[in-house]
Amino acid sequence: MDLKTCRRCRRLFNYISGPMICPDCVDELEKKFYDVKEYIRENPKVGIKKVSIEMNVPVSQIQQWVREERLQFTEDSGIALECEKCGKNIYTGRYCDACKAKMANSLSRALGGAEMEAMKPSSTGNRMRSRKF
């Protein structure tokens, strides 16, 4: 455990893992998250700036929750982020479905090739040898 200074309130706290904010600020941020989530649920067509103003939460924090897939906007809300890979409009997360699928296929091909290499018998591998008596 390390003693760290909270990035939000500047108090010292015992840091274990996760964001560099104290447990009190984590609790406060979680409460804000649920308030924002409820506000969006009740006002599905509201803009991100209006949510920020009404709920007293920075736009960057709301965008972070969307990127983390904790919040999702509807297509008719007028709020969209860009896919970090291709720039297509998305409503939650970091990547569009097409880019996620491409990355998953690339990863599975890479892992599949590595698994196949590991399964091939090596020319210098262990072989059973019979001893002549």
C-alpha atoms as a PDB file:
ATOM      1  CA  MET A   1       0.000   0.000   0.000  1.00  0.00           C
ATOM      2  CA  ASP A   2       1.219   3.475  -0.900  1.00  0.00           C
ATOM      3  CA  LEU A   3       0.273   6.817   0.570  1.00  0.00           C
ATOM      4  CA  LYS A   4      -0.981   9.026  -2.291  1.00  0.00           C
ATOM      5  CA  THR A   5      -2.602  12.417  -2.736  1.00  0.00           C
ATOM      6  CA  CYS A   6      -6.117  12.364  -4.184  1.00  0.00           C
ATOM      7  CA  ARG A   7      -6.245  14.032  -7.596  1.00  0.00           C
ATOM      8  CA  ARG A   8      -9.631  15.537  -6.849  1.00  0.00           C
ATOM      9  CA  CYS A   9      -9.590  16.717  -3.235  1.00  0.00           C
ATOM     10  CA  ARG A  10      -5.810  16.691  -2.554  1.00  0.00           C
ATOM     11  CA  ARG A  11      -6.197  14.633   0.661  1.00  0.00           C
ATOM     12  CA  LEU A  12      -3.805  11.810   1.506  1.00  0.00           C
ATOM     13  CA  PHE A  13      -5.137   8.256   1.304  1.00  0.00           C
ATOM     14  CA  ASN A  14      -3.892   4.677   1.226  1.00  0.00           C
ATOM     15  CA  TYR A  15      -3.715   3.762  -2.453  1.00  0.00           C
ATOM     16  CA  ILE A  16      -4.312   0.126  -3.370  1.00  0.00           C
ATOM     17  CA  SER A  17      -5.309   0.173  -7.049  1.00  0.00           C
ATOM     18  CA  GLY A  18      -7.528   1.891  -9.591  1.00  0.00           C
ATOM     19  CA  PRO A  19      -7.887   5.616 -10.106  1.00  0.00           C
ATOM     20  CA  MET A  20      -5.690   7.891  -8.025  1.00  0.00           C
ATOM     21  CA  ILE A  21      -8.603   9.275  -6.022  1.00  0.00           C
ATOM     22  CA  CYS A  22      -9.557   8.694  -2.420  1.00  0.00           C
ATOM     23  CA  PRO A  23     -12.453   6.417  -1.414  1.00  0.00           C
ATOM     24  CA  ASP A  24     -14.634   9.432  -0.517  1.00  0.00           C
ATOM     25  CA  CYS A  25     -14.184  10.904  -4.000  1.00  0.00           C
ATOM     26  CA  VAL A  26     -14.838   7.482  -5.571  1.00  0.00           C
ATOM     27  CA  ASP A  27     -18.122   7.272  -3.658  1.00  0.00           C
ATOM     28  CA  GLU A  28     -19.046  10.830  -4.681  1.00  0.00           C
ATOM     29  CA  LEU A  29     -18.217  10.083  -8.333  1.00  0.00           C
ATOM     30  CA  GLU A  30     -20.315   6.904  -8.272  1.00  0.00           C
ATOM     31  CA  LYS A  31     -23.263   8.836  -6.872  1.00  0.00           C
ATOM     32  CA  LYS A  32     -22.846  11.406  -9.663  1.00  0.00           C
ATOM     33  CA  PHE A  33     -22.709   8.569 -12.194  1.00  0.00           C
ATOM     34  CA  TYR A  34     -26.039   7.138 -11.043  1.00  0.00           C
ATOM     35  CA  ASP A  35     -27.591  10.624 -10.984  1.00  0.00           C
ATOM     36  CA  VAL A  36     -26.373  11.274 -14.558  1.00  0.00           C
ATOM     37  CA  LYS A  37     -27.580   7.845 -15.683  1.00  0.00           C
ATOM     38  CA  GLU A  38     -31.032   8.514 -14.244  1.00  0.00           C
ATOM     39  CA  TYR A  39     -31.135  12.003 -15.768  1.00  0.00           C
ATOM     40  CA  ILE A  40     -30.311  10.579 -19.219  1.00  0.00           C
ATOM     41  CA  ARG A  41     -32.928   7.858 -18.775  1.00  0.00           C
ATOM     42  CA  GLU A  42     -35.567  10.483 -17.969  1.00  0.00           C
ATOM     43  CA  ASN A  43     -34.352  12.842 -20.749  1.00  0.00           C
ATOM     44  CA  PRO A  44     -33.185  10.562 -23.593  1.00  0.00           C
ATOM     45  CA  LYS A  45     -32.790  13.327 -26.199  1.00  0.00           C
ATOM     46  CA  VAL A  46     -30.741  15.702 -24.059  1.00  0.00           C
ATOM     47  CA  GLY A  47     -27.319  16.872 -25.271  1.00  0.00           C
ATOM     48  CA  ILE A  48     -24.092  16.057 -23.465  1.00  0.00           C
ATOM     49  CA  LYS A  49     -23.405  19.710 -22.629  1.00  0.00           C
ATOM     50  CA  LYS A  50     -26.853  20.109 -21.089  1.00  0.00           C
ATOM     51  CA  VAL A  51     -26.289  16.947 -19.021  1.00  0.00           C
ATOM     52  CA  SER A  52     -22.967  18.390 -17.897  1.00  0.00           C
ATOM     53  CA  ILE A  53     -24.516  21.712 -16.860  1.00  0.00           C
ATOM     54  CA  GLU A  54     -27.632  20.259 -15.242  1.00  0.00           C
ATOM     55  CA  MET A  55     -25.775  17.571 -13.315  1.00  0.00           C
ATOM     56  CA  ASN A  56     -22.634  19.618 -12.552  1.00  0.00           C
ATOM     57  CA  VAL A  57     -20.342  16.990 -14.069  1.00  0.00           C
ATOM     58  CA  PRO A  58     -17.558  17.789 -16.557  1.00  0.00           C
ATOM     59  CA  VAL A  59     -18.190  16.755 -20.176  1.00  0.00           C
ATOM     60  CA  SER A  60     -14.914  14.821 -20.071  1.00  0.00           C
ATOM     61  CA  GLN A  61     -16.212  12.686 -17.178  1.00  0.00           C
ATOM     62  CA  ILE A  62     -19.427  11.893 -19.048  1.00  0.00           C
ATOM     63  CA  GLN A  63     -17.378  10.985 -22.136  1.00  0.00           C
ATOM     64  CA  GLN A  64     -15.199   8.717 -19.996  1.00  0.00           C
ATOM     65  CA  TRP A  65     -18.268   6.860 -18.705  1.00  0.00           C
ATOM     66  CA  VAL A  66     -19.465   6.454 -22.298  1.00  0.00           C
ATOM     67  CA  ARG A  67     -16.040   5.164 -23.412  1.00  0.00           C
ATOM     68  CA  GLU A  68     -16.081   2.717 -20.476  1.00  0.00           C
ATOM     69  CA  GLU A  69     -19.500   1.543 -21.742  1.00  0.00           C
ATOM     70  CA  ARG A  70     -21.133   2.493 -18.470  1.00  0.00           C
ATOM     71  CA  LEU A  71     -23.368   5.047 -20.223  1.00  0.00           C
ATOM     72  CA  GLN A  72     -25.028   4.722 -23.594  1.00  0.00           C
ATOM     73  CA  PHE A  73     -26.903   7.292 -25.621  1.00  0.00           C
ATOM     74  CA  THR A  74     -29.625   6.499 -28.134  1.00  0.00           C
ATOM     75  CA  GLU A  75     -29.204   7.181 -31.844  1.00  0.00           C
ATOM     76  CA  ASP A  76     -31.873   9.896 -31.772  1.00  0.00           C
ATOM     77  CA  SER A  77     -30.235  11.722 -28.848  1.00  0.00           C
ATOM     78  CA  GLY A  78     -27.884  13.615 -31.133  1.00  0.00           C
ATOM     79  CA  ILE A  79     -24.949  12.597 -28.950  1.00  0.00           C
ATOM     80  CA  ALA A  80     -22.292  10.452 -30.522  1.00  0.00           C
ATOM     81  CA  LEU A  81     -18.614   9.792 -30.077  1.00  0.00           C
ATOM     82  CA  GLU A  82     -16.262   8.764 -32.841  1.00  0.00           C
ATOM     83  CA  CYS A  83     -14.811   5.286 -33.175  1.00  0.00           C
ATOM     84  CA  GLU A  84     -11.136   5.622 -32.226  1.00  0.00           C
ATOM     85  CA  LYS A  85     -10.143   3.488 -35.213  1.00  0.00           C
ATOM     86  CA  CYS A  86     -12.332   4.546 -38.171  1.00  0.00           C
ATOM     87  CA  GLY A  87     -14.143   7.690 -36.977  1.00  0.00           C
ATOM     88  CA  LYS A  88     -17.682   6.298 -37.393  1.00  0.00           C
ATOM     89  CA  ASN A  89     -20.305   7.625 -34.945  1.00  0.00           C
ATOM     90  CA  ILE A  90     -20.840   5.368 -31.933  1.00  0.00           C
ATOM     91  CA  TYR A  91     -23.051   5.732 -28.877  1.00  0.00           C
ATOM     92  CA  THR A  92     -20.997   3.853 -26.320  1.00  0.00           C
ATOM     93  CA  GLY A  93     -17.521   2.388 -25.999  1.00  0.00           C
ATOM     94  CA  ARG A  94     -14.343   3.191 -27.905  1.00  0.00           C
ATOM     95  CA  TYR A  95     -14.821   1.282 -31.158  1.00  0.00           C
ATOM     96  CA  CYS A  96     -17.684   0.589 -33.572  1.00  0.00           C
ATOM     97  CA  ASP A  97     -18.968  -2.969 -33.959  1.00  0.00           C
ATOM     98  CA  ALA A  98     -17.146  -3.444 -37.276  1.00  0.00           C
ATOM     99  CA  CYS A  99     -13.777  -2.399 -35.824  1.00  0.00           C
ATOM    100  CA  LYS A 100     -14.343  -4.564 -32.732  1.00  0.00           C
ATOM    101  CA  ALA A 101     -15.017  -7.550 -35.004  1.00  0.00           C
ATOM    102  CA  LYS A 102     -11.885  -6.869 -37.090  1.00  0.00           C
ATOM    103  CA  MET A 103      -9.722  -6.590 -33.968  1.00  0.00           C
ATOM    104  CA  ALA A 104     -11.212  -9.766 -32.498  1.00  0.00           C
ATOM    105  CA  ASN A 105     -10.570 -11.657 -35.761  1.00  0.00           C
ATOM    106  CA  SER A 106      -7.000 -10.383 -35.936  1.00  0.00           C
ATOM    107  CA  LEU A 107      -6.393 -11.404 -32.346  1.00  0.00           C
ATOM    108  CA  SER A 108      -7.900 -14.853 -32.789  1.00  0.00           C
ATOM    109  CA  ARG A 109      -5.843 -15.396 -35.971  1.00  0.00           C
ATOM    110  CA  ALA A 110      -2.700 -14.321 -34.136  1.00  0.00           C
ATOM    111  CA  LEU A 111      -3.481 -16.544 -31.175  1.00  0.00           C
ATOM    112  CA  GLY A 112      -4.570 -19.393 -33.425  1.00  0.00           C
ATOM    113  CA  GLY A 113      -1.259 -19.278 -35.291  1.00  0.00           C
ATOM    114  CA  ALA A 114       0.677 -19.290 -32.038  1.00  0.00           C
ATOM    115  CA  GLU A 115      -1.374 -22.223 -30.737  1.00  0.00           C
ATOM    116  CA  MET A 116      -0.789 -24.168 -33.949  1.00  0.00           C
ATOM    117  CA  GLU A 117       2.970 -23.558 -33.704  1.00  0.00           C
ATOM    118  CA  ALA A 118       2.969 -24.789 -30.114  1.00  0.00           C
ATOM    119  CA  MET A 119       1.125 -27.953 -31.117  1.00  0.00           C
ATOM    120  CA  LYS A 120       3.553 -28.893 -33.937  1.00  0.00           C
ATOM    121  CA  PRO A 121       6.139 -31.470 -32.957  1.00  0.00           C
ATOM    122  CA  SER A 122       9.590 -29.993 -33.045  1.00  0.00           C
ATOM    123  CA  SER A 123      12.411 -31.666 -34.928  1.00  0.00           C
ATOM    124  CA  THR A 124      14.517 -31.627 -31.768  1.00  0.00           C
ATOM    125  CA  GLY A 125      11.652 -32.486 -29.470  1.00  0.00           C
ATOM    126  CA  ASN A 126      11.551 -35.308 -26.977  1.00  0.00           C
ATOM    127  CA  ARG A 127      11.306 -38.653 -28.682  1.00  0.00           C
ATOM    128  CA  MET A 128      10.994 -42.029 -27.140  1.00  0.00           C
ATOM    129  CA  ARG A 129      13.997 -44.180 -27.815  1.00  0.00           C
ATOM    130  CA  SER A 130      14.180 -47.814 -27.248  1.00  0.00           C
ATOM    131  CA  ARG A 131      17.250 -49.197 -25.634  1.00  0.00           C
ATOM    132  CA  LYS A 132      18.779 -52.314 -26.969  1.00  0.00           C
ATOM    133  CA  PHE A 133      19.742 -54.779 -24.302  1.00  0.00           C
END
